[in-house]
């Protein structure tokens, strides 16, 4: 099986999983097992062990659900097939997929007495496929809120088990946002077990908590666990012994049928406390990165109030003296975001530095009818410029741009973007909901016969709004020039995030405040998406930023302004990729 430690499974490395797996056994009266866990603690491996147990010892119909069909296929190929091939007891029960009558495919594994069906939470057909006794729901917080208009995928899947009196349901996930997290909601409905380890000093059994992780100033790699009662320090080398002596304790009564387990990455035998502390130090000043750290390392939900406390005038008071001539020394990459309106194009040129610190270098409105060629010619000239840099003699050019095609003048936007992917000028459309900022691959079919990239605007807005309150400099901080007026800041902060309940299930939505325009926000979202496009193609932003000379090498008087100066692929700094 694909693993950092290949070979026969041993619970000795992860003794905290023993009780979880015992709750999944047929001899346990527990019907539903909930594991809210951080990274590298073995939550998915626990589920795959259960799959193997069912095939070998308690055969019956089983359904395994991943967040998407694509993820499901990857898990089947890389982990489940490897598990079956490496385990003789399973290999003799699940036939070789190369056999004509094996009943073993990517999404179905037949075995004596049962069958395992694999599907994605985005497939309504897969979720209503057949009645099952065993149900594994992996990474439930990444599931869509509604699947093809048929409702919540978790509820749809659970309905497959209702005809079995001795059913088993396993839900596991890293938590996400407070109030929206499925795994936190399920955990709160359980008996809420925590794993406690004995202190070497006073002998008290305590759960590992982040507030008790300490380190010498400036040396997070030396982090240790300190008992909050007797202040005994436990170094990393003591972790295996602490885990071996640990035990689970229920902190709530629950319903008697649901066992809930919470495990942060502090328990992981593969993640040292020093590594987790080092990650915290790197993320603590960037809300977007800190959110990921809280979710994946502490296994806790993140609570934010995006857009509710952003004051346009307060942001305006942070304006600084910088501009395009020259671009500030810290800027390593330029991207642009273009919003298409009825009678104009609006463009923001953004400079990016280390840890996604950003500078709003230029914002302009190109007036004209977007159905006519003149306005697009003006945009093309603008995107082809090379700008003087404080220390780089060759200056900088726009390395990627995203053009919105989802609103006004869609076909005209398609016409402009056609043939320009070599210049990394991308046709995009924004889509709400839980999706990545930049897609794994573009759409293939549209009226413009071009690649169309679907941008996760909600994720981009969450990052932008989380970073706006942070005063620069620093990771993720946003710099604004003196030339921005109050109207621009009002547009940038024109939306806020709300939680609505649809058929009893929470759903986050971005809402524009009444009477306010939001073009500045849209342009920033698209410019940020362009940066993510470059990252998907192999850009290492911090390496580029660190390579910028601290002192000027030569001077560049003014930008080259000519449509003929459009950067060619051979003149660009190489970003190797097989993305398309």
Protein backbone atom coordinates (compact mmCIF):
# COMPACT_ATOMS: atom_id res chain seq x y z
CA UNK A 1 0.00 0.00 0.00
CA UNK A 2 1.23 3.52 -0.81
CA UNK A 3 2.70 4.64 2.51
CA UNK A 4 5.67 6.28 4.16
CA UNK A 5 6.08 3.02 6.08
CA UNK A 6 5.24 0.15 3.69
CA UNK A 7 4.74 -3.32 5.06
CA UNK A 8 2.41 -5.20 7.36
CA UNK A 9 0.10 -2.98 9.41
CA UNK A 10 0.95 -2.56 13.08
CA UNK A 11 -1.25 -0.63 15.50
CA UNK A 12 1.74 -0.22 17.81
CA UNK A 13 2.70 2.97 15.94
CA UNK A 14 -0.81 4.39 16.26
CA UNK A 15 -2.27 2.87 19.44
CA UNK A 16 -4.97 5.53 19.46
CA UNK A 17 -6.56 3.84 16.42
CA UNK A 18 -7.15 0.54 18.24
CA UNK A 19 -10.39 1.68 19.91
CA UNK A 20 -11.59 3.31 16.69
CA UNK A 21 -11.16 0.05 14.78
CA UNK A 22 -12.73 -1.97 17.61
CA UNK A 23 -15.81 0.25 17.37
CA UNK A 24 -16.02 -0.67 13.67
CA UNK A 25 -16.01 -4.42 14.38
CA UNK A 26 -19.28 -6.42 14.21
CA UNK A 27 -18.96 -7.30 17.90
CA UNK A 28 -19.30 -3.65 18.94
CA UNK A 29 -22.81 -2.24 19.55
CA UNK A 30 -21.66 1.07 18.04
CA UNK A 31 -23.50 1.88 14.82
CA UNK A 32 -21.75 5.06 13.75
CA UNK A 33 -18.06 5.92 14.18
CA UNK A 34 -16.94 9.53 13.75
CA UNK A 35 -13.26 10.49 13.51
CA UNK A 36 -12.48 14.22 13.38
CA UNK A 37 -8.74 14.23 12.80
CA UNK A 38 -5.76 16.21 11.64
CA UNK A 39 -3.19 15.28 9.03
CA UNK A 40 -0.95 12.22 9.32
CA UNK A 41 -2.80 10.40 12.10
CA UNK A 42 -4.06 7.48 9.99
CA UNK A 43 -7.77 8.25 9.60
CA UNK A 44 -8.00 6.98 6.01
CA UNK A 45 -5.73 4.00 6.74
CA UNK A 46 -8.10 3.10 9.57
CA UNK A 47 -10.95 3.03 7.07
CA UNK A 48 -9.00 0.96 4.55
CA UNK A 49 -8.13 -1.53 7.30
CA UNK A 50 -11.86 -1.79 7.94
CA UNK A 51 -12.46 -2.47 4.24
CA UNK A 52 -9.92 -5.29 4.41
CA UNK A 53 -11.54 -6.69 7.56
CA UNK A 54 -14.97 -6.72 5.91
CA UNK A 55 -13.64 -8.57 2.84
CA UNK A 56 -11.78 -11.12 4.97
CA UNK A 57 -13.93 -11.65 8.07
CA UNK A 58 -17.40 -10.10 7.74
CA UNK A 59 -18.36 -9.97 4.06
CA UNK A 60 -21.35 -7.93 2.98
CA UNK A 61 -22.29 -5.05 0.67
CA UNK A 62 -20.15 -1.96 1.28
CA UNK A 63 -20.03 1.58 -0.12
CA UNK A 64 -16.93 3.81 0.02
CA UNK A 65 -17.50 7.50 -0.78
CA UNK A 66 -14.76 10.02 -1.54
CA UNK A 67 -15.35 13.76 -2.20
CA UNK A 68 -15.33 13.31 -5.99
CA UNK A 69 -15.21 10.56 -8.59
CA UNK A 70 -11.72 11.69 -9.56
CA UNK A 71 -10.52 11.29 -5.96
CA UNK A 72 -12.28 7.94 -5.72
CA UNK A 73 -10.45 6.59 -8.77
CA UNK A 74 -7.13 7.79 -7.37
CA UNK A 75 -7.77 6.13 -3.98
CA UNK A 76 -8.82 2.91 -5.74
CA UNK A 77 -5.72 2.78 -7.94
CA UNK A 78 -3.07 3.98 -5.52
CA UNK A 79 -4.25 2.70 -2.15
CA UNK A 80 -7.00 0.11 -2.30
CA UNK A 81 -5.53 -1.94 -5.16
CA UNK A 82 -2.13 -1.79 -3.47
CA UNK A 83 -3.68 -2.99 -0.20
CA UNK A 84 -5.37 -5.94 -1.93
CA UNK A 85 -2.26 -6.95 -3.88
CA UNK A 86 -0.02 -6.77 -0.81
CA UNK A 87 -2.36 -8.79 1.45
CA UNK A 88 -2.60 -12.50 0.53
CA UNK A 89 -5.89 -12.95 2.42
CA UNK A 90 -7.46 -10.20 0.30
CA UNK A 91 -5.77 -11.09 -2.98
CA UNK A 92 -7.25 -14.60 -2.87
CA UNK A 93 -10.76 -13.17 -2.34
CA UNK A 94 -10.69 -10.24 -4.80
CA UNK A 95 -9.73 -11.56 -8.22
CA UNK A 96 -7.07 -10.03 -10.42
CA UNK A 97 -8.67 -7.15 -12.40
CA UNK A 98 -6.97 -8.46 -15.55
CA UNK A 99 -9.09 -11.59 -15.43
CA UNK A 100 -12.06 -11.49 -17.83
CA UNK A 101 -14.61 -12.48 -15.14
CA UNK A 102 -12.87 -10.98 -12.11
CA UNK A 103 -15.63 -8.57 -11.01
CA UNK A 104 -12.77 -6.27 -10.01
CA UNK A 105 -12.88 -2.82 -11.61
CA UNK A 106 -11.80 0.64 -10.58
CA UNK A 107 -15.16 1.36 -8.91
CA UNK A 108 -16.28 -2.15 -7.90
CA UNK A 109 -14.57 -5.00 -6.03
CA UNK A 110 -16.50 -8.28 -5.79
CA UNK A 111 -15.56 -10.87 -3.18
CA UNK A 112 -17.25 -13.98 -1.73
CA UNK A 113 -20.32 -12.87 0.19
CA UNK A 114 -20.16 -9.21 -0.71
CA UNK A 115 -19.18 -6.34 -2.96
CA UNK A 116 -17.43 -3.01 -2.46
CA UNK A 117 -18.78 -0.10 -4.49
CA UNK A 118 -16.69 3.08 -4.75
CA UNK A 119 -18.17 6.41 -5.78
CA UNK A 120 -17.81 10.16 -5.42
CA UNK A 121 -19.99 12.44 -3.33
CA UNK A 122 -20.66 14.41 -6.52
CA UNK A 123 -22.44 11.46 -8.14
CA UNK A 124 -26.11 11.05 -7.24
CA UNK A 125 -26.28 7.82 -9.24
CA UNK A 126 -23.41 6.31 -7.27
CA UNK A 127 -24.92 7.33 -3.92
CA UNK A 128 -28.23 5.60 -4.61
CA UNK A 129 -26.71 2.55 -6.26
CA UNK A 130 -27.73 -0.26 -3.86
CA UNK A 131 -28.50 -1.09 -0.21
CA UNK A 132 -25.32 -1.53 1.85
CA UNK A 133 -24.51 -2.78 5.32
CA UNK A 134 -21.19 -0.97 5.58
CA UNK A 135 -20.63 2.67 4.66
CA UNK A 136 -17.35 4.60 4.68
CA UNK A 137 -17.58 8.37 4.16
CA UNK A 138 -14.07 9.77 3.72
CA UNK A 139 -13.26 13.51 4.05
CA UNK A 140 -16.92 14.49 4.43
CA UNK A 141 -16.13 18.19 4.86
CA UNK A 142 -15.00 18.26 1.23
CA UNK A 143 -18.35 16.94 -0.06
CA UNK A 144 -20.61 19.29 -2.04
CA UNK A 145 -23.57 20.77 -0.17
CA UNK A 146 -26.01 19.34 -2.70
CA UNK A 147 -25.49 16.63 -5.27
CA UNK A 148 -27.25 17.15 -8.60
CA UNK A 149 -30.25 18.73 -6.89
CA UNK A 150 -31.03 15.57 -4.89
CA UNK A 151 -29.84 16.77 -1.49
CA UNK A 152 -26.98 16.28 0.95
CA UNK A 153 -24.65 13.47 -0.20
CA UNK A 154 -24.08 12.22 3.37
CA UNK A 155 -27.81 11.80 3.95
CA UNK A 156 -28.25 10.16 0.55
CA UNK A 157 -25.50 7.65 1.34
CA UNK A 158 -26.80 6.88 4.83
CA UNK A 159 -30.21 6.09 3.33
CA UNK A 160 -28.51 3.13 1.60
CA UNK A 161 -27.99 1.49 5.04
CA UNK A 162 -31.47 1.75 6.59
CA UNK A 163 -32.55 -1.81 5.70
CA UNK A 164 -29.68 -3.35 7.71
CA UNK A 165 -30.23 -3.67 11.47
CA UNK A 166 -26.52 -4.18 12.22
CA UNK A 167 -25.13 -1.52 9.93
CA UNK A 168 -21.81 0.26 10.37
CA UNK A 169 -21.12 3.83 9.26
CA UNK A 170 -17.65 5.40 9.39
CA UNK A 171 -17.30 9.16 8.90
CA UNK A 172 -13.85 10.69 8.92
CA UNK A 173 -12.53 14.08 7.89
CA UNK A 174 -10.33 17.02 8.62
CA UNK A 175 -12.68 19.80 9.82
CA UNK A 176 -13.13 23.07 7.94
CA UNK A 177 -15.38 26.02 8.85
CA UNK A 178 -17.31 26.37 12.09
CA UNK A 179 -21.03 26.04 11.53
CA UNK A 180 -20.50 24.32 8.17
CA UNK A 181 -18.28 21.40 9.14
CA UNK A 182 -20.10 18.08 8.75
CA UNK A 183 -17.51 16.20 10.78
CA UNK A 184 -17.69 18.64 13.70
CA UNK A 185 -21.49 18.42 13.68
CA UNK A 186 -21.31 14.62 13.76
CA UNK A 187 -18.67 14.69 16.51
CA UNK A 188 -20.78 17.01 18.66
CA UNK A 189 -23.67 14.53 18.36
CA UNK A 190 -21.44 11.72 19.68
CA UNK A 191 -19.92 10.87 23.05
CA UNK A 192 -16.95 13.15 22.15
CA UNK A 193 -13.98 11.01 23.10
CA UNK A 194 -10.52 12.52 23.60
CA UNK A 195 -7.23 10.63 23.81
CA UNK A 196 -5.35 11.25 27.06
CA UNK A 197 -1.75 10.41 27.88
CA UNK A 198 -0.11 10.21 31.33
CA UNK A 199 2.23 12.96 32.48
CA UNK A 200 5.66 11.65 33.47
CA UNK A 201 5.71 14.03 36.43
CA UNK A 202 2.33 13.92 38.16
CA UNK A 203 0.73 10.93 36.43
CA UNK A 204 -2.41 12.82 35.42
CA UNK A 205 -4.04 11.70 32.17
CA UNK A 206 -4.38 14.68 29.83
CA UNK A 207 -5.28 15.35 26.22
CA UNK A 208 -2.51 16.92 24.15
CA UNK A 209 -3.46 20.57 23.59
CA UNK A 210 -1.69 23.22 21.54
CA UNK A 211 -1.64 25.65 24.48
CA UNK A 212 0.66 23.20 26.28
CA UNK A 213 3.24 22.96 23.46
CA UNK A 214 6.21 25.17 24.32
CA UNK A 215 9.63 25.93 22.85
CA UNK A 216 12.63 28.18 23.52
CA UNK A 217 12.26 31.57 21.88
CA UNK A 218 13.29 31.41 18.24
CA UNK A 219 13.68 27.61 18.26
CA UNK A 220 10.29 26.03 17.43
CA UNK A 221 12.02 22.85 16.25
CA UNK A 222 12.72 22.12 19.95
CA UNK A 223 9.03 22.12 20.88
CA UNK A 224 7.93 19.91 23.78
CA UNK A 225 4.71 19.11 25.63
CA UNK A 226 4.48 20.75 29.07
CA UNK A 227 2.06 19.40 31.67
CA UNK A 228 -0.27 22.27 32.66
CA UNK A 229 -0.34 21.02 36.27
CA UNK A 230 3.22 20.15 37.28
CA UNK A 231 4.99 21.76 34.28
CA UNK A 232 7.00 18.64 33.51
CA UNK A 233 8.43 18.88 29.99
CA UNK A 234 8.10 15.91 27.64
CA UNK A 235 10.43 15.90 24.65
CA UNK A 236 9.51 14.44 21.26
CA UNK A 237 11.34 11.18 21.94
CA UNK A 238 8.83 10.47 24.74
CA UNK A 239 5.84 10.54 22.37
CA UNK A 240 5.77 6.78 21.49
CA UNK A 241 5.70 5.83 25.17
CA UNK A 242 3.03 8.42 25.95
CA UNK A 243 0.85 7.13 23.11
CA UNK A 244 1.32 3.51 24.16
CA UNK A 245 0.10 4.36 27.67
CA UNK A 246 -2.77 6.55 26.46
CA UNK A 247 -6.50 5.91 26.71
CA UNK A 248 -9.74 7.32 25.34
CA UNK A 249 -12.21 9.14 27.58
CA UNK A 250 -15.77 10.08 26.62
CA UNK A 251 -16.63 13.67 27.53
CA UNK A 252 -20.37 13.51 26.71
CA UNK A 253 -23.16 10.96 27.03
CA UNK A 254 -24.15 10.83 23.36
CA UNK A 255 -26.92 8.56 22.07
CA UNK A 256 -25.18 5.26 22.86
CA UNK A 257 -24.93 4.36 19.16
CA UNK A 258 -22.36 6.93 18.00
CA UNK A 259 -18.70 6.91 19.04
CA UNK A 260 -16.87 10.15 18.29
CA UNK A 261 -13.09 10.51 18.35
CA UNK A 262 -11.02 13.70 18.09
CA UNK A 263 -7.34 13.48 17.12
CA UNK A 264 -5.06 16.40 16.37
CA UNK A 265 -1.74 16.00 14.57
CA UNK A 266 -0.02 16.44 17.94
CA UNK A 267 -0.56 12.68 18.33
CA UNK A 268 0.94 11.77 14.95
CA UNK A 269 4.03 9.55 15.07
CA UNK A 270 5.00 10.99 11.68
CA UNK A 271 4.77 14.69 12.59
CA UNK A 272 7.10 15.99 15.28
CA UNK A 273 5.88 18.71 17.65
CA UNK A 274 8.79 20.80 16.41
CA UNK A 275 7.60 20.50 12.83
CA UNK A 276 4.07 21.52 13.80
CA UNK A 277 5.44 24.47 15.78
CA UNK A 278 7.60 25.54 12.85
CA UNK A 279 4.55 25.43 10.57
CA UNK A 280 2.66 27.58 13.08
CA UNK A 281 5.40 30.21 13.16
CA UNK A 282 5.35 30.36 9.36
CA UNK A 283 1.54 30.63 9.21
CA UNK A 284 0.59 32.75 12.22
CA UNK A 285 0.74 36.11 10.44
CA UNK A 286 -1.25 35.02 7.38
CA UNK A 287 -4.92 34.25 8.18
CA UNK A 288 -5.35 32.09 5.08
CA UNK A 289 -2.37 29.90 5.99
CA UNK A 290 -3.28 29.89 9.69
CA UNK A 291 -6.76 28.62 8.80
CA UNK A 292 -5.23 25.62 7.00
CA UNK A 293 -2.92 25.00 9.96
CA UNK A 294 -5.80 25.06 12.47
CA UNK A 295 -7.85 22.67 10.32
CA UNK A 296 -5.12 20.20 9.41
CA UNK A 297 -2.86 20.26 12.47
CA UNK A 298 -5.21 20.96 15.39
CA UNK A 299 -8.22 19.23 13.77
CA UNK A 300 -10.35 22.19 14.79
CA UNK A 301 -12.82 24.27 12.82
CA UNK A 302 -11.95 27.80 11.75
CA UNK A 303 -14.33 30.60 12.64
CA UNK A 304 -14.28 33.75 10.58
CA UNK A 305 -16.57 36.70 9.99
CA UNK A 306 -15.50 37.57 6.49
CA UNK A 307 -16.35 41.06 5.34
CA UNK A 308 -18.26 42.07 8.47
CA UNK A 309 -15.58 44.25 10.04
CA UNK A 310 -13.80 45.65 6.99
CA UNK A 311 -13.77 49.43 7.04
CA UNK A 312 -13.04 51.03 3.64
CA UNK A 313 -11.80 54.24 5.26
CA UNK A 314 -9.53 52.29 7.59
CA UNK A 315 -7.99 50.41 4.67
CA UNK A 316 -7.59 53.69 2.80
CA UNK A 317 -5.58 55.09 5.72
CA UNK A 318 -2.94 52.40 5.04
CA UNK A 319 -2.06 53.78 1.60
CA UNK A 320 1.63 54.00 0.80
CA UNK A 321 3.89 55.85 -1.63
CA UNK A 322 4.63 53.46 -4.48
CA UNK A 323 3.56 52.95 -8.05
CA UNK A 324 4.52 51.54 -11.41
CA UNK A 325 7.68 53.52 -12.02
CA UNK A 326 9.48 51.79 -10.55
CA UNK A 327 7.79 48.68 -9.18
CA UNK A 328 8.81 48.07 -5.52
CA UNK A 329 11.86 45.87 -5.03
CA UNK A 330 9.94 43.11 -3.20
CA UNK A 331 7.69 42.40 -6.21
CA UNK A 332 8.69 39.29 -8.17
CA UNK A 333 5.63 38.51 -10.32
CA UNK A 334 2.96 40.57 -12.09
CA UNK A 335 -0.56 39.29 -12.78
CA UNK A 336 -3.69 41.04 -14.00
CA UNK A 337 -7.42 40.56 -13.48
CA UNK A 338 -9.90 41.91 -16.05
CA UNK A 339 -13.61 42.48 -15.39
CA UNK A 340 -15.82 42.98 -18.45
CA UNK A 341 -18.69 45.46 -18.11
CA UNK A 342 -21.30 46.76 -20.56
CA UNK A 343 -19.32 49.83 -21.63
CA UNK A 344 -15.78 49.23 -20.37
CA UNK A 345 -13.08 46.90 -19.12
CA UNK A 346 -11.68 47.29 -15.61
CA UNK A 347 -8.17 45.99 -14.92
CA UNK A 348 -6.03 45.61 -11.82
CA UNK A 349 -2.30 44.98 -12.11
CA UNK A 350 -1.02 43.21 -8.99
CA UNK A 351 2.55 42.57 -7.93
CA UNK A 352 3.34 39.50 -5.83
CA UNK A 353 6.23 38.92 -3.46
CA UNK A 354 7.32 36.36 -0.90
CA UNK A 355 4.49 34.46 0.82
CA UNK A 356 1.94 36.12 -1.49
CA UNK A 357 2.46 39.61 -0.11
CA UNK A 358 0.84 41.83 -2.74
CA UNK A 359 0.99 45.35 -4.16
CA UNK A 360 -1.89 46.95 -6.09
CA UNK A 361 0.32 48.55 -8.73
CA UNK A 362 -2.28 49.92 -11.13
CA UNK A 363 -6.03 50.04 -11.61
CA UNK A 364 -7.56 51.45 -14.72
CA UNK A 365 -10.79 51.62 -16.64
CA UNK A 366 -10.59 51.12 -20.41
CA UNK A 367 -13.70 52.83 -21.74
CA UNK A 368 -15.35 51.58 -24.91
CA UNK A 369 -17.78 49.05 -26.29
CA UNK A 370 -16.40 45.54 -25.60
CA UNK A 371 -18.26 44.25 -28.65
CA UNK A 372 -15.91 46.37 -30.80
CA UNK A 373 -12.18 45.58 -31.30
CA UNK A 374 -10.74 48.92 -30.07
CA UNK A 375 -11.18 48.27 -26.35
CA UNK A 376 -9.54 44.83 -26.66
CA UNK A 377 -6.62 46.28 -28.62
CA UNK A 378 -6.09 48.78 -25.80
CA UNK A 379 -6.17 45.95 -23.26
CA UNK A 380 -3.69 43.91 -25.29
CA UNK A 381 -1.30 46.84 -25.44
CA UNK A 382 -1.59 47.26 -21.67
CA UNK A 383 -0.89 43.59 -20.95
CA UNK A 384 2.12 43.57 -23.31
CA UNK A 385 4.03 46.29 -21.48
CA UNK A 386 7.27 45.79 -19.61
CA UNK A 387 7.55 47.83 -16.42
CA UNK A 388 10.67 49.20 -14.72
CA UNK A 389 11.62 47.53 -11.45
CA UNK A 390 13.51 49.02 -8.53
CA UNK A 391 16.41 46.57 -8.82
CA UNK A 392 15.81 44.29 -11.83
CA UNK A 393 17.41 45.84 -14.95
CA UNK A 394 15.10 44.01 -17.35
CA UNK A 395 11.94 45.08 -15.49
CA UNK A 396 8.82 42.93 -15.22
CA UNK A 397 5.95 42.05 -17.53
CA UNK A 398 2.51 40.58 -16.85
CA UNK A 399 3.13 36.84 -16.55
CA UNK A 400 -0.54 35.81 -16.42
CA UNK A 401 -3.93 37.45 -16.79
CA UNK A 402 -7.48 36.22 -16.24
CA UNK A 403 -10.30 37.62 -18.38
CA UNK A 404 -13.84 37.25 -17.04
CA UNK A 405 -16.16 35.74 -19.66
CA UNK A 406 -19.15 35.02 -17.45
CA UNK A 407 -20.96 38.32 -17.71
CA UNK A 408 -21.18 40.92 -20.44
CA UNK A 409 -19.86 40.31 -23.97
CA UNK A 410 -18.94 36.65 -23.50
CA UNK A 411 -18.23 35.94 -27.16
CA UNK A 412 -16.08 39.07 -27.52
CA UNK A 413 -14.05 37.92 -24.50
CA UNK A 414 -13.68 34.48 -26.08
CA UNK A 415 -12.47 36.08 -29.32
CA UNK A 416 -9.82 38.07 -27.47
CA UNK A 417 -8.53 35.11 -25.44
CA UNK A 418 -8.37 32.70 -28.38
CA UNK A 419 -4.77 31.84 -29.22
CA UNK A 420 -3.30 33.67 -26.22
CA UNK A 421 -2.70 30.81 -23.77
CA UNK A 422 0.99 30.85 -24.70
CA UNK A 423 1.02 34.35 -23.21
CA UNK A 424 -0.90 32.93 -20.23
CA UNK A 425 -3.96 35.04 -20.94
CA UNK A 426 -6.79 32.83 -19.72
CA UNK A 427 -10.53 32.91 -20.36
CA UNK A 428 -12.25 32.27 -17.04
CA UNK A 429 -15.65 32.11 -15.45
CA UNK A 430 -16.26 32.35 -11.73
CA UNK A 431 -18.16 29.65 -9.86
CA UNK A 432 -19.37 29.71 -6.27
CA UNK A 433 -19.18 26.85 -3.83
CA UNK A 434 -16.37 24.68 -2.45
CA UNK A 435 -13.88 24.39 -5.29
CA UNK A 436 -10.17 25.25 -5.72
CA UNK A 437 -9.19 28.72 -6.86
CA UNK A 438 -7.63 27.27 -10.03
CA UNK A 439 -9.03 24.09 -11.59
CA UNK A 440 -7.03 20.93 -12.19
CA UNK A 441 -7.90 21.19 -15.87
CA UNK A 442 -9.89 23.57 -18.09
CA UNK A 443 -13.28 22.95 -19.61
CA UNK A 444 -13.06 21.54 -23.13
CA UNK A 445 -16.25 22.61 -24.85
CA UNK A 446 -17.75 26.08 -25.25
CA UNK A 447 -19.05 28.34 -27.98
CA UNK A 448 -15.69 30.06 -28.30
CA UNK A 449 -13.83 26.80 -28.96
CA UNK A 450 -11.21 27.72 -26.37
CA UNK A 451 -10.09 26.40 -23.01
CA UNK A 452 -12.35 27.90 -20.34
CA UNK A 453 -11.06 27.84 -16.76
CA UNK A 454 -13.56 27.73 -13.88
CA UNK A 455 -12.27 29.80 -10.96
CA UNK A 456 -13.34 29.09 -7.37
CA UNK A 457 -14.27 32.66 -6.50
CA UNK A 458 -15.47 31.81 -2.97
CA UNK A 459 -12.07 30.42 -1.98
CA UNK A 460 -10.33 33.44 -3.50
CA UNK A 461 -12.61 35.89 -1.68
CA UNK A 462 -12.11 34.07 1.62
CA UNK A 463 -8.35 34.43 1.28
CA UNK A 464 -8.51 38.07 0.21
CA UNK A 465 -10.91 39.10 2.96
CA UNK A 466 -8.93 37.19 5.58
CA UNK A 467 -5.80 39.09 4.56
CA UNK A 468 -7.28 42.58 4.19
CA UNK A 469 -7.23 43.44 7.93
CA UNK A 470 -3.53 42.56 8.25
CA UNK A 471 -1.33 45.64 8.12
CA UNK A 472 1.77 45.23 5.92
CA UNK A 473 4.46 44.11 5.67
CA UNK A 474 4.37 40.34 6.07
CA UNK A 475 3.01 37.12 4.57
CA UNK A 476 -0.20 37.73 2.64
CA UNK A 477 -0.28 41.44 3.49
CA UNK A 478 -1.83 43.77 0.91
CA UNK A 479 -0.25 47.12 -0.04
CA UNK A 480 -2.28 49.95 -1.57
CA UNK A 481 -0.87 53.02 -3.37
CA UNK A 482 -1.69 56.62 -2.61
CA UNK A 483 -3.66 56.87 -5.87
CA UNK A 484 -6.54 54.64 -4.69
CA UNK A 485 -9.63 56.62 -3.66
CA UNK A 486 -12.38 55.76 -1.17
CA UNK A 487 -14.71 54.51 -3.93
CA UNK A 488 -12.16 51.85 -4.86
CA UNK A 489 -11.90 50.58 -1.27
CA UNK A 490 -15.69 50.53 -1.04
CA UNK A 491 -15.77 48.29 -4.11
CA UNK A 492 -13.06 46.05 -2.67
CA UNK A 493 -15.11 45.51 0.52
CA UNK A 494 -18.55 45.41 -1.13
CA UNK A 495 -19.38 41.81 -0.18
CA UNK A 496 -19.70 39.74 2.95
CA UNK A 497 -20.16 36.06 3.65
CA UNK A 498 -23.40 34.74 5.13
CA UNK A 499 -24.64 31.31 6.13
CA UNK A 500 -28.02 30.28 4.80
CA UNK A 501 -29.86 27.07 5.60
CA UNK A 502 -31.12 25.11 2.61
CA UNK A 503 -33.36 22.19 3.59
CA UNK A 504 -31.83 22.31 7.05
CA UNK A 505 -28.22 22.26 5.85
CA UNK A 506 -25.91 25.28 6.20
CA UNK A 507 -24.55 26.86 3.04
CA UNK A 508 -22.10 29.77 2.80
CA UNK A 509 -22.78 32.47 0.24
CA UNK A 510 -21.10 35.72 -0.71
CA UNK A 511 -23.58 38.61 -0.85
CA UNK A 512 -23.02 42.05 -2.33
CA UNK A 513 -24.09 44.92 -0.09
CA UNK A 514 -27.07 46.82 -1.46
CA UNK A 515 -26.18 49.79 -3.64
CA UNK A 516 -22.45 49.03 -3.84
CA UNK A 517 -20.34 48.11 -6.84
CA UNK A 518 -17.78 45.31 -6.62
CA UNK A 519 -15.61 45.58 -9.74
CA UNK A 520 -12.45 46.17 -7.69
CA UNK A 521 -13.06 42.96 -5.73
CA UNK A 522 -13.71 40.99 -8.92
CA UNK A 523 -10.49 42.26 -10.51
CA UNK A 524 -8.47 41.28 -7.43
CA UNK A 525 -10.06 37.80 -7.42
CA UNK A 526 -9.11 37.31 -11.07
CA UNK A 527 -5.56 38.59 -10.54
CA UNK A 528 -5.20 36.17 -7.61
CA UNK A 529 -6.54 33.34 -9.78
CA UNK A 530 -3.87 34.20 -12.37
CA UNK A 531 -1.21 33.75 -9.69
CA UNK A 532 -2.66 30.34 -8.85
CA UNK A 533 -2.55 29.46 -12.54
CA UNK A 534 1.19 30.13 -12.52
CA UNK A 535 1.60 28.08 -9.34
CA UNK A 536 -0.27 25.20 -11.00
CA UNK A 537 2.22 25.45 -13.88
CA UNK A 538 5.19 25.15 -11.53
CA UNK A 539 5.93 28.67 -10.29
CA UNK A 540 7.88 28.79 -7.01
CA UNK A 541 7.01 32.28 -5.87
CA UNK A 542 9.32 32.43 -2.85
CA UNK A 543 12.31 31.32 -4.92
CA UNK A 544 11.61 34.05 -7.44
CA UNK A 545 11.24 36.62 -4.67
CA UNK A 546 14.45 35.54 -2.95
CA UNK A 547 16.37 35.87 -6.23
CA UNK A 548 15.62 39.59 -6.60
CA UNK A 549 18.76 41.71 -6.01
CA UNK A 550 18.60 44.03 -3.03
CA UNK A 551 20.37 46.86 -4.84
CA UNK A 552 19.73 48.23 -8.35
CA UNK A 553 21.79 46.60 -11.08
CA UNK A 554 20.84 49.08 -13.80
CA UNK A 555 18.15 51.63 -14.49
CA UNK A 556 15.21 51.34 -16.89
CA UNK A 557 13.78 54.72 -17.81
CA UNK A 558 10.25 53.80 -18.84
CA UNK A 559 8.13 50.82 -19.89
CA UNK A 560 8.13 49.59 -23.43
CA UNK A 561 4.64 50.26 -24.82
CA UNK A 562 3.92 48.38 -27.99
CA UNK A 563 1.54 45.62 -29.02
CA UNK A 564 4.52 44.01 -30.73
CA UNK A 565 6.19 43.73 -27.35
CA UNK A 566 3.82 40.96 -26.25
CA UNK A 567 6.08 38.54 -24.37
CA UNK A 568 6.85 35.40 -26.33
CA UNK A 569 7.15 32.00 -24.72
CA UNK A 570 10.86 31.82 -25.51
CA UNK A 571 11.50 35.10 -23.71
CA UNK A 572 9.65 34.19 -20.55
CA UNK A 573 11.25 32.84 -17.44
CA UNK A 574 10.68 29.10 -17.73
CA UNK A 575 7.88 27.53 -15.76
CA UNK A 576 7.95 23.88 -16.80
CA UNK A 577 4.55 22.25 -16.89
CA UNK A 578 2.45 19.63 -18.61
CA UNK A 579 -0.66 21.34 -17.27
CA UNK A 580 -2.60 21.44 -20.53
